[in-house]
Amino acid sequence: MSLVNTTVPPFRVHAYQDGAFLEVTDDDLRGQWSVLVFYPGDFTFVCPTELEDLADRYDEFRALGVEVYGASTDSHFAHKAWHATSAAVGKVRYPLLADPTLRLSRAFDVLVEEDGQALRGTFVIDPEGTIRTVEVHDAGIGRDAAELLRKVRAAQYITAHPGEVCPARWDDGADTLTPSLELVGRI
Protein backbone atom coordinates (compact mmCIF):
# COMPACT_ATOMS: atom_id res chain seq x y z
CA MET A 1 0.00 0.00 0.00
CA SER A 2 1.30 3.45 -0.87
CA LEU A 3 2.21 5.92 1.86
CA VAL A 4 0.91 8.84 -0.24
CA ASN A 5 -1.73 10.80 1.70
CA THR A 6 -1.02 8.91 4.92
CA THR A 7 0.24 10.50 8.11
CA VAL A 8 3.90 10.28 9.07
CA PRO A 9 4.22 7.41 11.55
CA PRO A 10 5.33 8.23 15.10
CA PHE A 11 9.10 8.09 15.54
CA ARG A 12 11.93 9.31 17.76
CA VAL A 13 15.54 9.16 16.55
CA HIS A 14 18.95 10.63 17.30
CA ALA A 15 20.42 13.00 14.73
CA TYR A 16 23.50 15.03 13.97
CA GLN A 17 23.31 18.68 12.90
CA ASP A 18 25.65 21.65 13.04
CA GLY A 19 28.18 20.06 15.39
CA ALA A 20 25.60 18.76 17.84
CA PHE A 21 23.58 15.67 18.59
CA LEU A 22 19.84 16.14 18.89
CA GLU A 23 16.62 14.17 18.96
CA VAL A 24 14.11 14.40 16.10
CA THR A 25 10.54 13.15 16.30
CA ASP A 26 7.54 13.05 13.99
CA ASP A 27 6.34 16.21 15.77
CA ASP A 28 9.33 18.09 14.32
CA LEU A 29 7.92 17.44 10.84
CA ARG A 30 4.67 19.25 11.66
CA GLY A 31 4.00 22.95 11.24
CA GLN A 32 6.20 23.31 8.16
CA TRP A 33 6.90 21.46 4.94
CA SER A 34 9.51 18.73 5.25
CA VAL A 35 11.54 16.58 2.91
CA LEU A 36 12.78 13.26 4.27
CA VAL A 37 15.54 11.73 2.15
CA PHE A 38 16.64 8.18 2.96
CA TYR A 39 20.00 7.01 1.61
CA PRO A 40 21.78 3.63 1.90
CA GLY A 41 24.76 4.54 4.04
CA ASP A 42 27.50 6.84 5.25
CA PHE A 43 30.96 6.57 3.67
CA THR A 44 29.54 5.33 0.38
CA PHE A 45 29.66 6.63 -3.19
CA VAL A 46 26.44 8.09 -4.56
CA CYS A 47 25.13 9.21 -1.15
CA PRO A 48 27.60 12.07 -0.60
CA THR A 49 26.82 13.47 -4.06
CA GLU A 50 23.11 13.59 -3.19
CA LEU A 51 23.63 15.09 0.26
CA GLU A 52 25.95 17.72 -1.22
CA ASP A 53 23.40 18.55 -3.95
CA LEU A 54 20.76 19.04 -1.26
CA ALA A 55 23.22 21.12 0.80
CA ASP A 56 23.97 23.32 -2.21
CA ARG A 57 20.22 23.98 -2.65
CA TYR A 58 19.37 24.06 1.07
CA ASP A 59 18.75 27.82 1.13
CA GLU A 60 16.19 27.37 -1.67
CA PHE A 61 14.38 24.73 0.37
CA ARG A 62 14.43 26.99 3.44
CA ALA A 63 13.09 29.92 1.36
CA LEU A 64 10.07 27.70 0.59
CA GLY A 65 9.61 26.99 4.31
CA VAL A 66 10.94 23.44 3.96
CA GLU A 67 13.24 21.58 6.34
CA VAL A 68 15.33 18.81 4.83
CA TYR A 69 16.16 15.64 6.76
CA GLY A 70 18.67 13.06 5.58
CA ALA A 71 18.28 9.55 7.03
CA SER A 72 20.22 6.30 6.96
CA THR A 73 20.59 3.25 9.14
CA ASP A 74 23.93 4.54 10.43
CA SER A 75 24.34 5.95 13.93
CA HIS A 76 24.48 9.64 14.76
CA PHE A 77 28.15 9.06 15.69
CA ALA A 78 28.85 7.81 12.14
CA HIS A 79 27.02 10.85 10.75
CA LYS A 80 29.30 13.14 12.79
CA ALA A 81 32.45 11.33 11.65
CA TRP A 82 31.36 11.42 7.99
CA HIS A 83 30.47 15.11 8.26
CA ALA A 84 33.96 15.79 9.66
CA THR A 85 35.86 13.79 7.01
CA SER A 86 33.97 14.34 3.73
CA ALA A 87 34.17 17.71 1.98
CA ALA A 88 30.81 17.00 0.29
CA VAL A 89 28.99 15.95 3.47
CA GLY A 90 30.72 18.71 5.42
CA LYS A 91 28.47 21.17 3.54
CA VAL A 92 25.34 19.65 5.08
CA ARG A 93 23.49 21.98 7.48
CA TYR A 94 20.25 19.98 7.73
CA PRO A 95 19.73 17.16 10.28
CA LEU A 96 21.07 13.69 9.50
CA LEU A 97 18.77 11.17 11.18
CA ALA A 98 20.18 7.96 12.64
CA ASP A 99 18.22 4.74 12.26
CA PRO A 100 20.43 1.92 13.60
CA THR A 101 17.32 0.13 14.94
CA LEU A 102 15.90 0.10 11.36
CA ARG A 103 12.48 1.17 12.69
CA LEU A 104 12.30 4.42 10.75
CA SER A 105 13.35 2.81 7.45
CA ARG A 106 10.86 0.01 8.04
CA ALA A 107 8.04 2.47 8.88
CA PHE A 108 8.63 4.33 5.60
CA ASP A 109 8.87 1.02 3.71
CA VAL A 110 12.38 1.65 2.34
CA LEU A 111 14.33 -0.96 4.32
CA VAL A 112 16.19 -3.72 2.51
CA GLU A 113 16.05 -6.23 5.36
CA GLU A 114 18.89 -8.50 4.21
CA ASP A 115 21.26 -5.53 3.85
CA GLY A 116 20.14 -3.51 6.87
CA GLN A 117 20.14 -0.42 4.64
CA ALA A 118 17.52 1.89 3.21
CA LEU A 119 16.75 2.31 -0.45
CA ARG A 120 16.83 5.84 -1.83
CA GLY A 121 13.46 7.06 -0.60
CA THR A 122 12.23 10.64 -0.86
CA PHE A 123 9.15 11.89 0.97
CA VAL A 124 7.59 15.36 0.72
CA ILE A 125 5.51 15.99 3.85
CA ASP A 126 3.06 18.84 4.37
CA PRO A 127 2.73 20.89 7.58
CA GLU A 128 -0.05 18.60 8.86
CA GLY A 129 2.27 15.58 8.65
CA THR A 130 0.67 14.13 5.51
CA ILE A 131 2.99 12.46 3.03
CA ARG A 132 2.33 14.16 -0.32
CA THR A 133 4.94 12.51 -2.56
CA VAL A 134 6.89 9.27 -2.39
CA GLU A 135 9.78 8.27 -4.61
CA VAL A 136 11.72 5.08 -3.96
CA HIS A 137 14.35 3.64 -6.24
CA ASP A 138 17.45 1.53 -6.55
CA ALA A 139 20.55 2.43 -4.54
CA GLY A 140 22.61 3.07 -7.69
CA ILE A 141 20.46 5.93 -8.99
CA GLY A 142 21.23 9.36 -7.53
CA ARG A 143 18.56 12.01 -7.07
CA ASP A 144 18.46 15.62 -8.23
CA ALA A 145 17.71 18.39 -5.72
CA ALA A 146 16.39 20.68 -8.48
CA GLU A 147 13.70 18.13 -9.40
CA LEU A 148 12.84 17.68 -5.73
CA LEU A 149 12.44 21.45 -5.37
CA ARG A 150 10.05 21.41 -8.34
CA LYS A 151 7.97 18.68 -6.70
CA VAL A 152 7.86 20.61 -3.43
CA ARG A 153 6.69 23.75 -5.25
CA ALA A 154 4.00 21.72 -7.04
CA ALA A 155 2.80 20.15 -3.78
CA GLN A 156 2.70 23.56 -2.13
CA TYR A 157 0.85 25.03 -5.10
CA ILE A 158 -1.94 22.45 -5.22
CA THR A 159 -2.33 22.72 -1.46
CA ALA A 160 -2.80 26.48 -1.75
CA HIS A 161 -5.01 26.19 -4.87
CA PRO A 162 -7.57 23.40 -4.37
CA GLY A 163 -9.15 22.30 -7.62
CA GLU A 164 -6.04 22.97 -9.71
CA VAL A 165 -3.46 20.41 -10.79
CA CYS A 166 0.11 20.75 -12.04
CA PRO A 167 0.81 19.11 -15.41
CA ALA A 168 4.07 17.41 -16.38
CA ARG A 169 7.14 19.66 -16.24
CA TRP A 170 5.17 22.31 -14.34
CA ASP A 171 7.24 24.80 -12.39
CA ASP A 172 6.45 27.92 -10.44
CA GLY A 173 4.67 30.48 -12.60
CA ALA A 174 3.63 28.04 -15.32
CA ASP A 175 0.01 27.35 -16.22
CA THR A 176 -1.92 24.78 -14.22
CA LEU A 177 -5.05 22.85 -15.14
CA THR A 178 -8.50 22.91 -13.59
CA PRO A 179 -10.03 19.48 -14.20
CA SER A 180 -13.50 19.74 -15.72
CA LEU A 181 -15.84 18.02 -18.10
CA GLU A 182 -14.81 20.54 -20.76
CA LEU A 183 -11.16 19.41 -20.53
CA VAL A 184 -11.88 15.72 -21.07
CA GLY A 185 -10.30 14.66 -24.36
CA ARG A 186 -8.98 18.15 -25.13
CA ILE A 187 -5.47 17.72 -23.76
C-alpha atoms as a PDB file:
ATOM      1  CA  MET A   1       0.000   0.000   0.000  1.00  0.00           C
ATOM      2  CA  SER A   2       1.296   3.455  -0.868  1.00  0.00           C
ATOM      3  CA  LEU A   3       2.207   5.916   1.857  1.00  0.00           C
ATOM      4  CA  VAL A   4       0.912   8.841  -0.239  1.00  0.00           C
ATOM      5  CA  ASN A   5      -1.735  10.796   1.698  1.00  0.00           C
ATOM      6  CA  THR A   6      -1.025   8.908   4.920  1.00  0.00           C
ATOM      7  CA  THR A   7       0.243  10.503   8.114  1.00  0.00           C
ATOM      8  CA  VAL A   8       3.903  10.284   9.066  1.00  0.00           C
ATOM      9  CA  PRO A   9       4.224   7.411  11.550  1.00  0.00           C
ATOM     10  CA  PRO A  10       5.327   8.228  15.096  1.00  0.00           C
ATOM     11  CA  PHE A  11       9.103   8.092  15.541  1.00  0.00           C
ATOM     12  CA  ARG A  12      11.928   9.315  17.762  1.00  0.00           C
ATOM     13  CA  VAL A  13      15.545   9.161  16.547  1.00  0.00           C
ATOM     14  CA  HIS A  14      18.949  10.630  17.302  1.00  0.00           C
ATOM     15  CA  ALA A  15      20.418  12.997  14.735  1.00  0.00           C
ATOM     16  CA  TYR A  16      23.497  15.030  13.972  1.00  0.00           C
ATOM     17  CA  GLN A  17      23.315  18.675  12.896  1.00  0.00           C
ATOM     18  CA  ASP A  18      25.653  21.652  13.035  1.00  0.00           C
ATOM     19  CA  GLY A  19      28.179  20.061  15.387  1.00  0.00           C
ATOM     20  CA  ALA A  20      25.596  18.762  17.844  1.00  0.00           C
ATOM     21  CA  PHE A  21      23.578  15.666  18.590  1.00  0.00           C
ATOM     22  CA  LEU A  22      19.841  16.140  18.889  1.00  0.00           C
ATOM     23  CA  GLU A  23      16.620  14.174  18.962  1.00  0.00           C
ATOM     24  CA  VAL A  24      14.114  14.401  16.102  1.00  0.00           C
ATOM     25  CA  THR A  25      10.542  13.146  16.296  1.00  0.00           C
ATOM     26  CA  ASP A  26       7.542  13.052  13.991  1.00  0.00           C
ATOM     27  CA  ASP A  27       6.335  16.207  15.768  1.00  0.00           C
ATOM     28  CA  ASP A  28       9.325  18.087  14.324  1.00  0.00           C
ATOM     29  CA  LEU A  29       7.916  17.438  10.840  1.00  0.00           C
ATOM     30  CA  ARG A  30       4.672  19.254  11.659  1.00  0.00           C
ATOM     31  CA  GLY A  31       4.000  22.953  11.243  1.00  0.00           C
ATOM     32  CA  GLN A  32       6.204  23.305   8.162  1.00  0.00           C
ATOM     33  CA  TRP A  33       6.896  21.461   4.937  1.00  0.00           C
ATOM     34  CA  SER A  34       9.508  18.734   5.246  1.00  0.00           C
ATOM     35  CA  VAL A  35      11.536  16.581   2.913  1.00  0.00           C
ATOM     36  CA  LEU A  36      12.784  13.261   4.271  1.00  0.00           C
ATOM     37  CA  VAL A  37      15.542  11.728   2.154  1.00  0.00           C
ATOM     38  CA  PHE A  38      16.644   8.178   2.958  1.00  0.00           C
ATOM     39  CA  TYR A  39      20.001   7.010   1.605  1.00  0.00           C
ATOM     40  CA  PRO A  40      21.778   3.629   1.896  1.00  0.00           C
ATOM     41  CA  GLY A  41      24.760   4.538   4.044  1.00  0.00           C
ATOM     42  CA  ASP A  42      27.498   6.842   5.245  1.00  0.00           C
ATOM     43  CA  PHE A  43      30.961   6.570   3.674  1.00  0.00           C
ATOM     44  CA  THR A  44      29.537   5.327   0.384  1.00  0.00           C
ATOM     45  CA  PHE A  45      29.658   6.629  -3.186  1.00  0.00           C
ATOM     46  CA  VAL A  46      26.436   8.093  -4.562  1.00  0.00           C
ATOM     47  CA  CYS A  47      25.127   9.205  -1.153  1.00  0.00           C
ATOM     48  CA  PRO A  48      27.599  12.075  -0.602  1.00  0.00           C
ATOM     49  CA  THR A  49      26.815  13.471  -4.056  1.00  0.00           C
ATOM     50  CA  GLU A  50      23.115  13.590  -3.187  1.00  0.00           C
ATOM     51  CA  LEU A  51      23.632  15.090   0.257  1.00  0.00           C
ATOM     52  CA  GLU A  52      25.952  17.724  -1.225  1.00  0.00           C
ATOM     53  CA  ASP A  53      23.401  18.549  -3.949  1.00  0.00           C
ATOM     54  CA  LEU A  54      20.757  19.045  -1.255  1.00  0.00           C
ATOM     55  CA  ALA A  55      23.218  21.123   0.798  1.00  0.00           C
ATOM     56  CA  ASP A  56      23.974  23.315  -2.215  1.00  0.00           C
ATOM     57  CA  ARG A  57      20.225  23.978  -2.652  1.00  0.00           C
ATOM     58  CA  TYR A  58      19.373  24.056   1.073  1.00  0.00           C
ATOM     59  CA  ASP A  59      18.755  27.824   1.129  1.00  0.00           C
ATOM     60  CA  GLU A  60      16.195  27.371  -1.671  1.00  0.00           C
ATOM     61  CA  PHE A  61      14.379  24.727   0.368  1.00  0.00           C
ATOM     62  CA  ARG A  62      14.434  26.991   3.440  1.00  0.00           C
ATOM     63  CA  ALA A  63      13.092  29.923   1.358  1.00  0.00           C
ATOM     64  CA  LEU A  64      10.069  27.698   0.594  1.00  0.00           C
ATOM     65  CA  GLY A  65       9.605  26.991   4.313  1.00  0.00           C
ATOM     66  CA  VAL A  66      10.942  23.445   3.959  1.00  0.00           C
ATOM     67  CA  GLU A  67      13.235  21.581   6.344  1.00  0.00           C
ATOM     68  CA  VAL A  68      15.329  18.811   4.833  1.00  0.00           C
ATOM     69  CA  TYR A  69      16.164  15.635   6.758  1.00  0.00           C
ATOM     70  CA  GLY A  70      18.672  13.056   5.583  1.00  0.00           C
ATOM     71  CA  ALA A  71      18.281   9.552   7.031  1.00  0.00           C
ATOM     72  CA  SER A  72      20.221   6.304   6.958  1.00  0.00           C
ATOM     73  CA  THR A  73      20.587   3.249   9.140  1.00  0.00           C
ATOM     74  CA  ASP A  74      23.928   4.544  10.427  1.00  0.00           C
ATOM     75  CA  SER A  75      24.343   5.954  13.932  1.00  0.00           C
ATOM     76  CA  HIS A  76      24.481   9.644  14.762  1.00  0.00           C
ATOM     77  CA  PHE A  77      28.146   9.057  15.688  1.00  0.00           C
ATOM     78  CA  ALA A  78      28.847   7.813  12.139  1.00  0.00           C
ATOM     79  CA  HIS A  79      27.022  10.850  10.745  1.00  0.00           C
ATOM     80  CA  LYS A  80      29.301  13.137  12.786  1.00  0.00           C
ATOM     81  CA  ALA A  81      32.450  11.331  11.647  1.00  0.00           C
ATOM     82  CA  TRP A  82      31.358  11.419   7.990  1.00  0.00           C
ATOM     83  CA  HIS A  83      30.470  15.110   8.256  1.00  0.00           C
ATOM     84  CA  ALA A  84      33.960  15.791   9.660  1.00  0.00           C
ATOM     85  CA  THR A  85      35.855  13.794   7.009  1.00  0.00           C
ATOM     86  CA  SER A  86      33.968  14.345   3.731  1.00  0.00           C
ATOM     87  CA  ALA A  87      34.171  17.714   1.976  1.00  0.00           C
ATOM     88  CA  ALA A  88      30.814  17.004   0.291  1.00  0.00           C
ATOM     89  CA  VAL A  89      28.986  15.953   3.467  1.00  0.00           C
ATOM     90  CA  GLY A  90      30.718  18.713   5.421  1.00  0.00           C
ATOM     91  CA  LYS A  91      28.473  21.166   3.543  1.00  0.00           C
ATOM     92  CA  VAL A  92      25.336  19.647   5.082  1.00  0.00           C
ATOM     93  CA  ARG A  93      23.486  21.985   7.482  1.00  0.00           C
ATOM     94  CA  TYR A  94      20.254  19.982   7.733  1.00  0.00           C
ATOM     95  CA  PRO A  95      19.727  17.157  10.280  1.00  0.00           C
ATOM     96  CA  LEU A  96      21.070  13.690   9.502  1.00  0.00           C
ATOM     97  CA  LEU A  97      18.773  11.174  11.179  1.00  0.00           C
ATOM     98  CA  ALA A  98      20.178   7.958  12.642  1.00  0.00           C
ATOM     99  CA  ASP A  99      18.216   4.740  12.257  1.00  0.00           C
ATOM    100  CA  PRO A 100      20.429   1.916  13.597  1.00  0.00           C
ATOM    101  CA  THR A 101      17.324   0.131  14.939  1.00  0.00           C
ATOM    102  CA  LEU A 102      15.901   0.101  11.359  1.00  0.00           C
ATOM    103  CA  ARG A 103      12.482   1.166  12.686  1.00  0.00           C
ATOM    104  CA  LEU A 104      12.303   4.418  10.748  1.00  0.00           C
ATOM    105  CA  SER A 105      13.347   2.807   7.455  1.00  0.00           C
ATOM    106  CA  ARG A 106      10.855   0.013   8.036  1.00  0.00           C
ATOM    107  CA  ALA A 107       8.043   2.474   8.879  1.00  0.00           C
ATOM    108  CA  PHE A 108       8.634   4.328   5.603  1.00  0.00           C
ATOM    109  CA  ASP A 109       8.872   1.021   3.707  1.00  0.00           C
ATOM    110  CA  VAL A 110      12.377   1.646   2.339  1.00  0.00           C
ATOM    111  CA  LEU A 111      14.329  -0.962   4.322  1.00  0.00           C
ATOM    112  CA  VAL A 112      16.195  -3.716   2.508  1.00  0.00           C
ATOM    113  CA  GLU A 113      16.047  -6.233   5.359  1.00  0.00           C
ATOM    114  CA  GLU A 114      18.890  -8.502   4.213  1.00  0.00           C
ATOM    115  CA  ASP A 115      21.258  -5.530   3.851  1.00  0.00           C
ATOM    116  CA  GLY A 116      20.141  -3.512   6.867  1.00  0.00           C
ATOM    117  CA  GLN A 117      20.137  -0.421   4.642  1.00  0.00           C
ATOM    118  CA  ALA A 118      17.523   1.888   3.213  1.00  0.00           C
ATOM    119  CA  LEU A 119      16.750   2.306  -0.448  1.00  0.00           C
ATOM    120  CA  ARG A 120      16.834   5.841  -1.833  1.00  0.00           C
ATOM    121  CA  GLY A 121      13.463   7.062  -0.604  1.00  0.00           C
ATOM    122  CA  THR A 122      12.233  10.636  -0.863  1.00  0.00           C
ATOM    123  CA  PHE A 123       9.146  11.894   0.967  1.00  0.00           C
ATOM    124  CA  VAL A 124       7.589  15.358   0.725  1.00  0.00           C
ATOM    125  CA  ILE A 125       5.510  15.991   3.846  1.00  0.00           C
ATOM    126  CA  ASP A 126       3.057  18.837   4.365  1.00  0.00           C
ATOM    127  CA  PRO A 127       2.731  20.892   7.579  1.00  0.00           C
ATOM    128  CA  GLU A 128      -0.053  18.604   8.863  1.00  0.00           C
ATOM    129  CA  GLY A 129       2.267  15.582   8.648  1.00  0.00           C
ATOM    130  CA  THR A 130       0.667  14.131   5.514  1.00  0.00           C
ATOM    131  CA  ILE A 131       2.989  12.463   3.034  1.00  0.00           C
ATOM    132  CA  ARG A 132       2.331  14.156  -0.318  1.00  0.00           C
ATOM    133  CA  THR A 133       4.938  12.510  -2.562  1.00  0.00           C
ATOM    134  CA  VAL A 134       6.890   9.272  -2.388  1.00  0.00           C
ATOM    135  CA  GLU A 135       9.776   8.270  -4.610  1.00  0.00           C
ATOM    136  CA  VAL A 136      11.722   5.081  -3.962  1.00  0.00           C
ATOM    137  CA  HIS A 137      14.347   3.639  -6.241  1.00  0.00           C
ATOM    138  CA  ASP A 138      17.449   1.532  -6.546  1.00  0.00           C
ATOM    139  CA  ALA A 139      20.548   2.426  -4.541  1.00  0.00           C
ATOM    140  CA  GLY A 140      22.607   3.066  -7.686  1.00  0.00           C
ATOM    141  CA  ILE A 141      20.463   5.935  -8.991  1.00  0.00           C
ATOM    142  CA  GLY A 142      21.231   9.358  -7.526  1.00  0.00           C
ATOM    143  CA  ARG A 143      18.556  12.007  -7.072  1.00  0.00           C
ATOM    144  CA  ASP A 144      18.459  15.624  -8.232  1.00  0.00           C
ATOM    145  CA  ALA A 145      17.705  18.389  -5.719  1.00  0.00           C
ATOM    146  CA  ALA A 146      16.391  20.677  -8.481  1.00  0.00           C
ATOM    147  CA  GLU A 147      13.695  18.132  -9.402  1.00  0.00           C
ATOM    148  CA  LEU A 148      12.844  17.679  -5.726  1.00  0.00           C
ATOM    149  CA  LEU A 149      12.439  21.453  -5.365  1.00  0.00           C
ATOM    150  CA  ARG A 150      10.052  21.415  -8.341  1.00  0.00           C
ATOM    151  CA  LYS A 151       7.971  18.677  -6.701  1.00  0.00           C
ATOM    152  CA  VAL A 152       7.857  20.610  -3.431  1.00  0.00           C
ATOM    153  CA  ARG A 153       6.689  23.753  -5.248  1.00  0.00           C
ATOM    154  CA  ALA A 154       3.999  21.719  -7.044  1.00  0.00           C
ATOM    155  CA  ALA A 155       2.802  20.146  -3.776  1.00  0.00           C
ATOM    156  CA  GLN A 156       2.699  23.560  -2.132  1.00  0.00           C
ATOM    157  CA  TYR A 157       0.851  25.034  -5.102  1.00  0.00           C
ATOM    158  CA  ILE A 158      -1.936  22.450  -5.224  1.00  0.00           C
ATOM    159  CA  THR A 159      -2.331  22.718  -1.460  1.00  0.00           C
ATOM    160  CA  ALA A 160      -2.803  26.478  -1.749  1.00  0.00           C
ATOM    161  CA  HIS A 161      -5.013  26.185  -4.869  1.00  0.00           C
ATOM    162  CA  PRO A 162      -7.572  23.400  -4.369  1.00  0.00           C
ATOM    163  CA  GLY A 163      -9.148  22.297  -7.618  1.00  0.00           C
ATOM    164  CA  GLU A 164      -6.043  22.968  -9.707  1.00  0.00           C
ATOM    165  CA  VAL A 165      -3.460  20.409 -10.787  1.00  0.00           C
ATOM    166  CA  CYS A 166       0.110  20.746 -12.044  1.00  0.00           C
ATOM    167  CA  PRO A 167       0.812  19.107 -15.412  1.00  0.00           C
ATOM    168  CA  ALA A 168       4.075  17.410 -16.382  1.00  0.00           C
ATOM    169  CA  ARG A 169       7.143  19.661 -16.240  1.00  0.00           C
ATOM    170  CA  TRP A 170       5.167  22.311 -14.337  1.00  0.00           C
ATOM    171  CA  ASP A 171       7.244  24.796 -12.394  1.00  0.00           C
ATOM    172  CA  ASP A 172       6.450  27.921 -10.437  1.00  0.00           C
ATOM    173  CA  GLY A 173       4.667  30.482 -12.598  1.00  0.00           C
ATOM    174  CA  ALA A 174       3.631  28.042 -15.317  1.00  0.00           C
ATOM    175  CA  ASP A 175       0.008  27.346 -16.221  1.00  0.00           C
ATOM    176  CA  THR A 176      -1.920  24.783 -14.224  1.00  0.00           C
ATOM    177  CA  LEU A 177      -5.054  22.852 -15.143  1.00  0.00           C
ATOM    178  CA  THR A 178      -8.495  22.907 -13.592  1.00  0.00           C
ATOM    179  CA  PRO A 179     -10.026  19.476 -14.195  1.00  0.00           C
ATOM    180  CA  SER A 180     -13.501  19.743 -15.715  1.00  0.00           C
ATOM    181  CA  LEU A 181     -15.840  18.023 -18.099  1.00  0.00           C
ATOM    182  CA  GLU A 182     -14.808  20.535 -20.762  1.00  0.00           C
ATOM    183  CA  LEU A 183     -11.159  19.411 -20.528  1.00  0.00           C
ATOM    184  CA  VAL A 184     -11.884  15.716 -21.072  1.00  0.00           C
ATOM    185  CA  GLY A 185     -10.300  14.660 -24.358  1.00  0.00           C
ATOM    186  CA  ARG A 186      -8.981  18.152 -25.125  1.00  0.00           C
ATOM    187  CA  ILE A 187      -5.467  17.721 -23.759  1.00  0.00           C
END
